[in-house]
């Protein structure tokens, strides 16, 4: 997250970093509980779900995120990398 902030990602702000990480990890680990019918979710599906959760938790108007969605995707990837075992090619 620090690296993302230094690269200019406004979502990875030090002010909200702990909250984002905590929320993101909860969302990542609760995927199967919230989506019990998806037995083998793709990494991309889990990232999309995480991005949606981060946006809903942070943005007062989630529908107005626009181009910031790319920044949320970067944050989601960083959280997923910390939470998940390495993916197999």
PDB file of N, CA and C in Angstrom:
ATOM      1  N   UNK A   1       0.828  -1.191   0.000  1.00  0.00           N
ATOM      2  CA  UNK A   1       0.000   0.000   0.000  1.00  0.00           C
ATOM      3  C   UNK A   1       0.873   1.257   0.000  1.00  0.00           C
ATOM      4  N   UNK A   2       1.955   1.207   0.738  1.00  0.00           N
ATOM      5  CA  UNK A   2       2.858   2.353   0.761  1.00  0.00           C
ATOM      6  C   UNK A   2       3.406   2.620  -0.635  1.00  0.00           C
ATOM      7  N   UNK A   3       3.784   1.559  -1.306  1.00  0.00           N
ATOM      8  CA  UNK A   3       4.313   1.698  -2.666  1.00  0.00           C
ATOM      9  C   UNK A   3       3.261   2.273  -3.618  1.00  0.00           C
ATOM     10  N   UNK A   4       2.028   1.816  -3.487  1.00  0.00           N
ATOM     11  CA  UNK A   4       0.949   2.356  -4.332  1.00  0.00           C
ATOM     12  C   UNK A   4       0.771   3.851  -4.072  1.00  0.00           C
ATOM     13  N   UNK A   5       0.797   4.237  -2.804  1.00  0.00           N
ATOM     14  CA  UNK A   5       0.652   5.651  -2.440  1.00  0.00           C
ATOM     15  C   UNK A   5       1.776   6.475  -3.058  1.00  0.00           C
ATOM     16  N   UNK A   6       2.991   5.963  -2.949  1.00  0.00           N
ATOM     17  CA  UNK A   6       4.145   6.673  -3.502  1.00  0.00           C
ATOM     18  C   UNK A   6       4.085   6.772  -5.026  1.00  0.00           C
ATOM     19  N   UNK A   7       3.389   5.829  -5.661  1.00  0.00           N
ATOM     20  CA  UNK A   7       3.221   5.849  -7.116  1.00  0.00           C
ATOM     21  C   UNK A   7       2.059   6.743  -7.544  1.00  0.00           C
ATOM     22  N   UNK A   8       1.351   7.314  -6.581  1.00  0.00           N
ATOM     23  CA  UNK A   8       0.283   8.250  -6.897  1.00  0.00           C
ATOM     24  C   UNK A   8      -1.130   7.721  -6.785  1.00  0.00           C
ATOM     25  N   UNK A   9      -1.313   6.562  -6.191  1.00  0.00           N
ATOM     26  CA  UNK A   9      -2.656   5.993  -6.025  1.00  0.00           C
ATOM     27  C   UNK A   9      -3.360   6.702  -4.863  1.00  0.00           C
ATOM     28  N   UNK A  10      -4.406   7.498  -5.144  1.00  0.00           N
ATOM     29  CA  UNK A  10      -5.066   8.249  -4.075  1.00  0.00           C
ATOM     30  C   UNK A  10      -5.851   7.377  -3.097  1.00  0.00           C
ATOM     31  N   UNK A  11      -6.189   6.181  -3.486  1.00  0.00           N
ATOM     32  CA  UNK A  11      -6.975   5.293  -2.627  1.00  0.00           C
ATOM     33  C   UNK A  11      -6.113   4.719  -1.493  1.00  0.00           C
ATOM     34  N   UNK A  12      -4.818   4.593  -1.714  1.00  0.00           N
ATOM     35  CA  UNK A  12      -3.916   3.994  -0.726  1.00  0.00           C
ATOM     36  C   UNK A  12      -3.394   5.017   0.293  1.00  0.00           C
ATOM     37  N   UNK A  13      -4.154   6.031   0.550  1.00  0.00           N
ATOM     38  CA  UNK A  13      -3.768   7.091   1.479  1.00  0.00           C
ATOM     39  C   UNK A  13      -3.410   6.533   2.856  1.00  0.00           C
ATOM     40  N   UNK A  14      -2.344   7.043   3.455  1.00  0.00           N
ATOM     41  CA  UNK A  14      -1.990   6.590   4.803  1.00  0.00           C
ATOM     42  C   UNK A  14      -3.107   6.810   5.821  1.00  0.00           C
ATOM     43  N   UNK A  15      -3.938   7.812   5.602  1.00  0.00           N
ATOM     44  CA  UNK A  15      -5.028   8.104   6.536  1.00  0.00           C
ATOM     45  C   UNK A  15      -6.062   6.989   6.608  1.00  0.00           C
ATOM     46  N   UNK A  16      -6.332   6.320   5.475  1.00  0.00           N
ATOM     47  CA  UNK A  16      -7.364   5.271   5.423  1.00  0.00           C
ATOM     48  C   UNK A  16      -6.786   3.880   5.244  1.00  0.00           C
ATOM     49  N   UNK A  17      -5.485   3.764   5.224  1.00  0.00           N
ATOM     50  CA  UNK A  17      -4.842   2.497   4.878  1.00  0.00           C
ATOM     51  C   UNK A  17      -5.265   1.348   5.791  1.00  0.00           C
ATOM     52  N   UNK A  18      -5.220   1.549   7.082  1.00  0.00           N
ATOM     53  CA  UNK A  18      -5.560   0.464   8.016  1.00  0.00           C
ATOM     54  C   UNK A  18      -7.007   0.015   7.827  1.00  0.00           C
ATOM     55  N   UNK A  19      -7.903   0.970   7.684  1.00  0.00           N
ATOM     56  CA  UNK A  19      -9.314   0.654   7.470  1.00  0.00           C
ATOM     57  C   UNK A  19      -9.508  -0.117   6.165  1.00  0.00           C
ATOM     58  N   UNK A  20      -8.846   0.323   5.095  1.00  0.00           N
ATOM     59  CA  UNK A  20      -8.950  -0.358   3.801  1.00  0.00           C
ATOM     60  C   UNK A  20      -8.439  -1.789   3.890  1.00  0.00           C
ATOM     61  N   UNK A  21      -7.295  -1.958   4.506  1.00  0.00           N
ATOM     62  CA  UNK A  21      -6.709  -3.297   4.609  1.00  0.00           C
ATOM     63  C   UNK A  21      -7.608  -4.207   5.443  1.00  0.00           C
ATOM     64  N   UNK A  22      -8.073  -3.735   6.584  1.00  0.00           N
ATOM     65  CA  UNK A  22      -8.954  -4.554   7.427  1.00  0.00           C
ATOM     66  C   UNK A  22     -10.230  -4.935   6.701  1.00  0.00           C
ATOM     67  N   UNK A  23     -10.854  -3.961   6.061  1.00  0.00           N
ATOM     68  CA  UNK A  23     -12.082  -4.224   5.322  1.00  0.00           C
ATOM     69  C   UNK A  23     -11.810  -5.168   4.150  1.00  0.00           C
ATOM     70  N   UNK A  24     -10.718  -4.923   3.447  1.00  0.00           N
ATOM     71  CA  UNK A  24     -10.380  -5.754   2.297  1.00  0.00           C
ATOM     72  C   UNK A  24     -10.107  -7.196   2.679  1.00  0.00           C
ATOM     73  N   UNK A  25      -9.379  -7.400   3.767  1.00  0.00           N
ATOM     74  CA  UNK A  25      -9.102  -8.766   4.210  1.00  0.00           C
ATOM     75  C   UNK A  25     -10.381  -9.474   4.638  1.00  0.00           C
ATOM     76  N   UNK A  26     -11.257  -8.782   5.353  1.00  0.00           N
ATOM     77  CA  UNK A  26     -12.549  -9.387   5.738  1.00  0.00           C
ATOM     78  C   UNK A  26     -13.334  -9.784   4.492  1.00  0.00           C
ATOM     79  N   UNK A  27     -13.374  -8.877   3.524  1.00  0.00           N
ATOM     80  CA  UNK A  27     -14.122  -9.143   2.289  1.00  0.00           C
ATOM     81  C   UNK A  27     -13.507 -10.325   1.539  1.00  0.00           C
ATOM     82  N   UNK A  28     -12.181 -10.355   1.434  1.00  0.00           N
ATOM     83  CA  UNK A  28     -11.497 -11.434   0.716  1.00  0.00           C
ATOM     84  C   UNK A  28     -11.790 -12.794   1.359  1.00  0.00           C
ATOM     85  N   UNK A  29     -11.699 -12.843   2.698  1.00  0.00           N
ATOM     86  CA  UNK A  29     -11.878 -14.116   3.397  1.00  0.00           C
ATOM     87  C   UNK A  29     -13.343 -14.536   3.518  1.00  0.00           C
ATOM     88  N   UNK A  30     -14.276 -13.639   3.284  1.00  0.00           N
ATOM     89  CA  UNK A  30     -15.692 -13.996   3.377  1.00  0.00           C
ATOM     90  C   UNK A  30     -16.317 -14.284   2.014  1.00  0.00           C
ATOM     91  N   UNK A  31     -15.514 -14.321   0.971  1.00  0.00           N
ATOM     92  CA  UNK A  31     -16.049 -14.523  -0.378  1.00  0.00           C
ATOM     93  C   UNK A  31     -16.904 -15.788  -0.456  1.00  0.00           C
ATOM     94  N   UNK A  32     -16.395 -16.912   0.013  1.00  0.00           N
ATOM     95  CA  UNK A  32     -17.125 -18.184  -0.112  1.00  0.00           C
ATOM     96  C   UNK A  32     -18.405 -18.187   0.714  1.00  0.00           C
ATOM     97  N   UNK A  33     -18.423 -17.492   1.810  1.00  0.00           N
ATOM     98  CA  UNK A  33     -19.653 -17.406   2.618  1.00  0.00           C
ATOM     99  C   UNK A  33     -20.705 -16.573   1.884  1.00  0.00           C
ATOM    100  N   UNK A  34     -20.260 -15.500   1.234  1.00  0.00           N
ATOM    101  CA  UNK A  34     -21.194 -14.627   0.532  1.00  0.00           C
ATOM    102  C   UNK A  34     -21.596 -15.156  -0.836  1.00  0.00           C
ATOM    103  N   UNK A  35     -20.789 -16.056  -1.403  1.00  0.00           N
ATOM    104  CA  UNK A  35     -21.049 -16.629  -2.727  1.00  0.00           C
ATOM    105  C   UNK A  35     -20.924 -18.152  -2.670  1.00  0.00           C
ATOM    106  N   UNK A  36     -21.790 -18.815  -1.911  1.00  0.00           N
ATOM    107  CA  UNK A  36     -21.628 -20.261  -1.718  1.00  0.00           C
ATOM    108  C   UNK A  36     -21.794 -21.094  -2.990  1.00  0.00           C
ATOM    109  N   UNK A  37     -22.446 -20.578  -3.995  1.00  0.00           N
ATOM    110  CA  UNK A  37     -22.669 -21.352  -5.222  1.00  0.00           C
ATOM    111  C   UNK A  37     -21.442 -21.366  -6.137  1.00  0.00           C
ATOM    112  N   UNK A  38     -20.507 -20.475  -5.906  1.00  0.00           N
ATOM    113  CA  UNK A  38     -19.312 -20.420  -6.735  1.00  0.00           C
ATOM    114  C   UNK A  38     -18.237 -21.279  -6.057  1.00  0.00           C
ATOM    115  N   UNK A  39     -18.053 -22.479  -6.557  1.00  0.00           N
ATOM    116  CA  UNK A  39     -17.142 -23.424  -5.913  1.00  0.00           C
ATOM    117  C   UNK A  39     -15.672 -23.145  -6.236  1.00  0.00           C
ATOM    118  N   UNK A  40     -15.370 -22.781  -7.432  1.00  0.00           N
ATOM    119  CA  UNK A  40     -13.989 -22.526  -7.855  1.00  0.00           C
ATOM    120  C   UNK A  40     -13.914 -21.131  -8.471  1.00  0.00           C
ATOM    121  N   UNK A  41     -13.988 -20.078  -7.655  1.00  0.00           N
ATOM    122  CA  UNK A  41     -13.976 -18.729  -8.226  1.00  0.00           C
ATOM    123  C   UNK A  41     -12.617 -18.396  -8.842  1.00  0.00           C
ATOM    124  N   UNK A  42     -12.658 -17.671  -9.929  1.00  0.00           N
ATOM    125  CA  UNK A  42     -11.406 -17.217 -10.530  1.00  0.00           C
ATOM    126  C   UNK A  42     -10.824 -16.086  -9.683  1.00  0.00           C
ATOM    127  N   UNK A  43      -9.551 -15.888  -9.831  1.00  0.00           N
ATOM    128  CA  UNK A  43      -8.901 -14.780  -9.132  1.00  0.00           C
ATOM    129  C   UNK A  43      -9.550 -13.459  -9.546  1.00  0.00           C
ATOM    130  N   UNK A  44      -9.851 -13.338 -10.830  1.00  0.00           N
ATOM    131  CA  UNK A  44     -10.449 -12.108 -11.349  1.00  0.00           C
ATOM    132  C   UNK A  44     -11.822 -11.853 -10.722  1.00  0.00           C
ATOM    133  N   UNK A  45     -12.614 -12.910 -10.524  1.00  0.00           N
ATOM    134  CA  UNK A  45     -13.932 -12.760  -9.894  1.00  0.00           C
ATOM    135  C   UNK A  45     -13.783 -12.286  -8.451  1.00  0.00           C
ATOM    136  N   UNK A  46     -12.805 -12.817  -7.757  1.00  0.00           N
ATOM    137  CA  UNK A  46     -12.582 -12.399  -6.372  1.00  0.00           C
ATOM    138  C   UNK A  46     -12.083 -10.964  -6.306  1.00  0.00           C
ATOM    139  N   UNK A  47     -11.250 -10.559  -7.262  1.00  0.00           N
ATOM    140  CA  UNK A  47     -10.775  -9.177  -7.303  1.00  0.00           C
ATOM    141  C   UNK A  47     -11.940  -8.239  -7.587  1.00  0.00           C
ATOM    142  N   UNK A  48     -12.801  -8.593  -8.548  1.00  0.00           N
ATOM    143  CA  UNK A  48     -13.974  -7.751  -8.844  1.00  0.00           C
ATOM    144  C   UNK A  48     -14.845  -7.590  -7.603  1.00  0.00           C
ATOM    145  N   UNK A  49     -15.050  -8.684  -6.870  1.00  0.00           N
ATOM    146  CA  UNK A  49     -15.844  -8.627  -5.646  1.00  0.00           C
ATOM    147  C   UNK A  49     -15.179  -7.732  -4.604  1.00  0.00           C
ATOM    148  N   UNK A  50     -13.873  -7.844  -4.482  1.00  0.00           N
ATOM    149  CA  UNK A  50     -13.132  -7.024  -3.526  1.00  0.00           C
ATOM    150  C   UNK A  50     -13.193  -5.555  -3.911  1.00  0.00           C
ATOM    151  N   UNK A  51     -13.036  -5.252  -5.198  1.00  0.00           N
ATOM    152  CA  UNK A  51     -13.139  -3.864  -5.664  1.00  0.00           C
ATOM    153  C   UNK A  51     -14.518  -3.308  -5.321  1.00  0.00           C
ATOM    154  N   UNK A  52     -15.552  -4.081  -5.601  1.00  0.00           N
ATOM    155  CA  UNK A  52     -16.914  -3.631  -5.293  1.00  0.00           C
ATOM    156  C   UNK A  52     -17.077  -3.341  -3.804  1.00  0.00           C
ATOM    157  N   UNK A  53     -16.542  -4.223  -2.953  1.00  0.00           N
ATOM    158  CA  UNK A  53     -16.631  -4.015  -1.511  1.00  0.00           C
ATOM    159  C   UNK A  53     -15.871  -2.789  -1.042  1.00  0.00           C
ATOM    160  N   UNK A  54     -14.678  -2.588  -1.590  1.00  0.00           N
ATOM    161  CA  UNK A  54     -13.895  -1.408  -1.216  1.00  0.00           C
ATOM    162  C   UNK A  54     -14.618  -0.124  -1.616  1.00  0.00           C
ATOM    163  N   UNK A  55     -15.148  -0.110  -2.820  1.00  0.00           N
ATOM    164  CA  UNK A  55     -15.867   1.073  -3.297  1.00  0.00           C
ATOM    165  C   UNK A  55     -17.076   1.357  -2.415  1.00  0.00           C
ATOM    166  N   UNK A  56     -17.842   0.315  -2.105  1.00  0.00           N
ATOM    167  CA  UNK A  56     -19.034   0.501  -1.270  1.00  0.00           C
ATOM    168  C   UNK A  56     -18.670   0.989   0.130  1.00  0.00           C
ATOM    169  N   UNK A  57     -17.529   0.554   0.637  1.00  0.00           N
ATOM    170  CA  UNK A  57     -17.119   0.945   1.989  1.00  0.00           C
ATOM    171  C   UNK A  57     -16.555   2.359   2.048  1.00  0.00           C
ATOM    172  N   UNK A  58     -15.968   2.833   0.965  1.00  0.00           N
ATOM    173  CA  UNK A  58     -15.247   4.105   0.997  1.00  0.00           C
ATOM    174  C   UNK A  58     -16.023   5.252   0.355  1.00  0.00           C
ATOM    175  N   UNK A  59     -16.655   4.980  -0.746  1.00  0.00           N
ATOM    176  CA  UNK A  59     -17.264   6.056  -1.535  1.00  0.00           C
ATOM    177  C   UNK A  59     -18.689   6.389  -1.084  1.00  0.00           C
ATOM    178  N   UNK A  60     -18.984   7.675  -0.870  1.00  0.00           N
ATOM    179  CA  UNK A  60     -20.349   8.066  -0.507  1.00  0.00           C
ATOM    180  C   UNK A  60     -21.329   7.852  -1.676  1.00  0.00           C
ATOM    181  N   UNK A  61     -20.837   7.946  -2.895  1.00  0.00           N
ATOM    182  CA  UNK A  61     -21.648   7.715  -4.102  1.00  0.00           C
ATOM    183  C   UNK A  61     -20.929   6.676  -4.971  1.00  0.00           C
ATOM    184  N   UNK A  62     -21.074   5.380  -4.666  1.00  0.00           N
ATOM    185  CA  UNK A  62     -20.327   4.359  -5.392  1.00  0.00           C
ATOM    186  C   UNK A  62     -20.514   4.390  -6.911  1.00  0.00           C
ATOM    187  N   UNK A  63     -21.644   4.830  -7.370  1.00  0.00           N
ATOM    188  CA  UNK A  63     -21.896   4.881  -8.802  1.00  0.00           C
ATOM    189  C   UNK A  63     -21.103   5.950  -9.527  1.00  0.00           C
ATOM    190  N   UNK A  64     -20.457   6.835  -8.787  1.00  0.00           N
ATOM    191  CA  UNK A  64     -19.730   7.943  -9.403  1.00  0.00           C
ATOM    192  C   UNK A  64     -18.206   7.755  -9.363  1.00  0.00           C
ATOM    193  N   UNK A  65     -17.740   6.556  -9.167  1.00  0.00           N
ATOM    194  CA  UNK A  65     -16.309   6.300  -9.014  1.00  0.00           C
ATOM    195  C   UNK A  65     -15.538   6.603 -10.299  1.00  0.00           C
ATOM    196  N   UNK A  66     -16.077   6.239 -11.432  1.00  0.00           N
ATOM    197  CA  UNK A  66     -15.425   6.528 -12.702  1.00  0.00           C
ATOM    198  C   UNK A  66     -14.044   5.915 -12.827  1.00  0.00           C
ATOM    199  N   UNK A  67     -13.078   6.731 -13.246  1.00  0.00           N
ATOM    200  CA  UNK A  67     -11.712   6.239 -13.491  1.00  0.00           C
ATOM    201  C   UNK A  67     -10.982   5.798 -12.232  1.00  0.00           C
ATOM    202  N   UNK A  68     -11.463   6.206 -11.077  1.00  0.00           N
ATOM    203  CA  UNK A  68     -10.823   5.763  -9.828  1.00  0.00           C
ATOM    204  C   UNK A  68     -10.920   4.255  -9.638  1.00  0.00           C
ATOM    205  N   UNK A  69     -11.797   3.608 -10.394  1.00  0.00           N
ATOM    206  CA  UNK A  69     -11.934   2.161 -10.270  1.00  0.00           C
ATOM    207  C   UNK A  69     -10.591   1.477 -10.520  1.00  0.00           C
ATOM    208  N   UNK A  70      -9.759   2.017 -11.384  1.00  0.00           N
ATOM    209  CA  UNK A  70      -8.431   1.440 -11.634  1.00  0.00           C
ATOM    210  C   UNK A  70      -7.571   1.495 -10.375  1.00  0.00           C
ATOM    211  N   UNK A  71      -7.687   2.567  -9.612  1.00  0.00           N
ATOM    212  CA  UNK A  71      -6.949   2.669  -8.357  1.00  0.00           C
ATOM    213  C   UNK A  71      -7.464   1.664  -7.334  1.00  0.00           C
ATOM    214  N   UNK A  72      -8.765   1.468  -7.301  1.00  0.00           N
ATOM    215  CA  UNK A  72      -9.334   0.457  -6.409  1.00  0.00           C
ATOM    216  C   UNK A  72      -8.863  -0.932  -6.821  1.00  0.00           C
ATOM    217  N   UNK A  73      -8.737  -1.175  -8.124  1.00  0.00           N
ATOM    218  CA  UNK A  73      -8.247  -2.469  -8.588  1.00  0.00           C
ATOM    219  C   UNK A  73      -6.810  -2.710  -8.127  1.00  0.00           C
ATOM    220  N   UNK A  74      -5.977  -1.685  -8.159  1.00  0.00           N
ATOM    221  CA  UNK A  74      -4.593  -1.819  -7.684  1.00  0.00           C
ATOM    222  C   UNK A  74      -4.557  -2.142  -6.196  1.00  0.00           C
ATOM    223  N   UNK A  75      -5.377  -1.464  -5.431  1.00  0.00           N
ATOM    224  CA  UNK A  75      -5.451  -1.719  -3.989  1.00  0.00           C
ATOM    225  C   UNK A  75      -5.958  -3.133  -3.736  1.00  0.00           C
ATOM    226  N   UNK A  76      -6.979  -3.547  -4.480  1.00  0.00           N
ATOM    227  CA  UNK A  76      -7.527  -4.896  -4.321  1.00  0.00           C
ATOM    228  C   UNK A  76      -6.471  -5.954  -4.637  1.00  0.00           C
ATOM    229  N   UNK A  77      -5.708  -5.746  -5.686  1.00  0.00           N
ATOM    230  CA  UNK A  77      -4.639  -6.697  -6.029  1.00  0.00           C
ATOM    231  C   UNK A  77      -3.602  -6.783  -4.908  1.00  0.00           C
ATOM    232  N   UNK A  78      -3.261  -5.651  -4.320  1.00  0.00           N
ATOM    233  CA  UNK A  78      -2.285  -5.643  -3.223  1.00  0.00           C
ATOM    234  C   UNK A  78      -2.822  -6.390  -2.005  1.00  0.00           C
ATOM    235  N   UNK A  79      -4.085  -6.166  -1.687  1.00  0.00           N
ATOM    236  CA  UNK A  79      -4.704  -6.872  -0.557  1.00  0.00           C
ATOM    237  C   UNK A  79      -4.779  -8.365  -0.838  1.00  0.00           C
ATOM    238  N   UNK A  80      -5.167  -8.721  -2.046  1.00  0.00           N
ATOM    239  CA  UNK A  80      -5.269 -10.129  -2.414  1.00  0.00           C
ATOM    240  C   UNK A  80      -3.904 -10.806  -2.355  1.00  0.00           C
ATOM    241  N   UNK A  81      -2.874 -10.117  -2.798  1.00  0.00           N
ATOM    242  CA  UNK A  81      -1.524 -10.678  -2.760  1.00  0.00           C
ATOM    243  C   UNK A  81      -1.087 -10.970  -1.331  1.00  0.00           C
ATOM    244  N   UNK A  82      -1.500 -10.127  -0.414  1.00  0.00           N
ATOM    245  CA  UNK A  82      -1.151 -10.323   0.988  1.00  0.00           C
ATOM    246  C   UNK A  82      -1.991 -11.423   1.635  1.00  0.00           C
ATOM    247  N   UNK A  83      -3.215 -11.612   1.142  1.00  0.00           N
ATOM    248  CA  UNK A  83      -4.158 -12.526   1.783  1.00  0.00           C
ATOM    249  C   UNK A  83      -4.139 -13.933   1.211  1.00  0.00           C
ATOM    250  N   UNK A  84      -3.787 -14.059  -0.064  1.00  0.00           N
ATOM    251  CA  UNK A  84      -3.918 -15.344  -0.742  1.00  0.00           C
ATOM    252  C   UNK A  84      -2.561 -15.985  -0.982  1.00  0.00           C
ATOM    253  N   UNK A  85      -2.555 -17.302  -1.050  1.00  0.00           N
ATOM    254  CA  UNK A  85      -1.309 -17.958  -1.430  1.00  0.00           C
ATOM    255  C   UNK A  85      -1.012 -17.633  -2.896  1.00  0.00           C
ATOM    256  N   UNK A  86       0.239 -17.733  -3.316  1.00  0.00           N
ATOM    257  CA  UNK A  86       0.574 -17.434  -4.705  1.00  0.00           C
ATOM    258  C   UNK A  86      -0.244 -18.282  -5.670  1.00  0.00           C
ATOM    259  N   UNK A  87      -0.663 -17.646  -6.769  1.00  0.00           N
ATOM    260  CA  UNK A  87      -1.454 -18.345  -7.789  1.00  0.00           C
ATOM    261  C   UNK A  87      -0.543 -19.248  -8.610  1.00  0.00           C
ATOM    262  N   UNK A  88      -1.097 -20.355  -9.044  1.00  0.00           N
ATOM    263  CA  UNK A  88      -0.385 -21.260  -9.934  1.00  0.00           C
ATOM    264  C   UNK A  88      -0.625 -20.829 -11.368  1.00  0.00           C
ATOM    265  N   UNK A  89       0.395 -20.836 -12.212  1.00  0.00           N
ATOM    266  CA  UNK A  89       0.211 -20.420 -13.623  1.00  0.00           C
ATOM    267  C   UNK A  89      -0.635 -21.387 -14.403  1.00  0.00           C
TER     268      UNK A  89
END
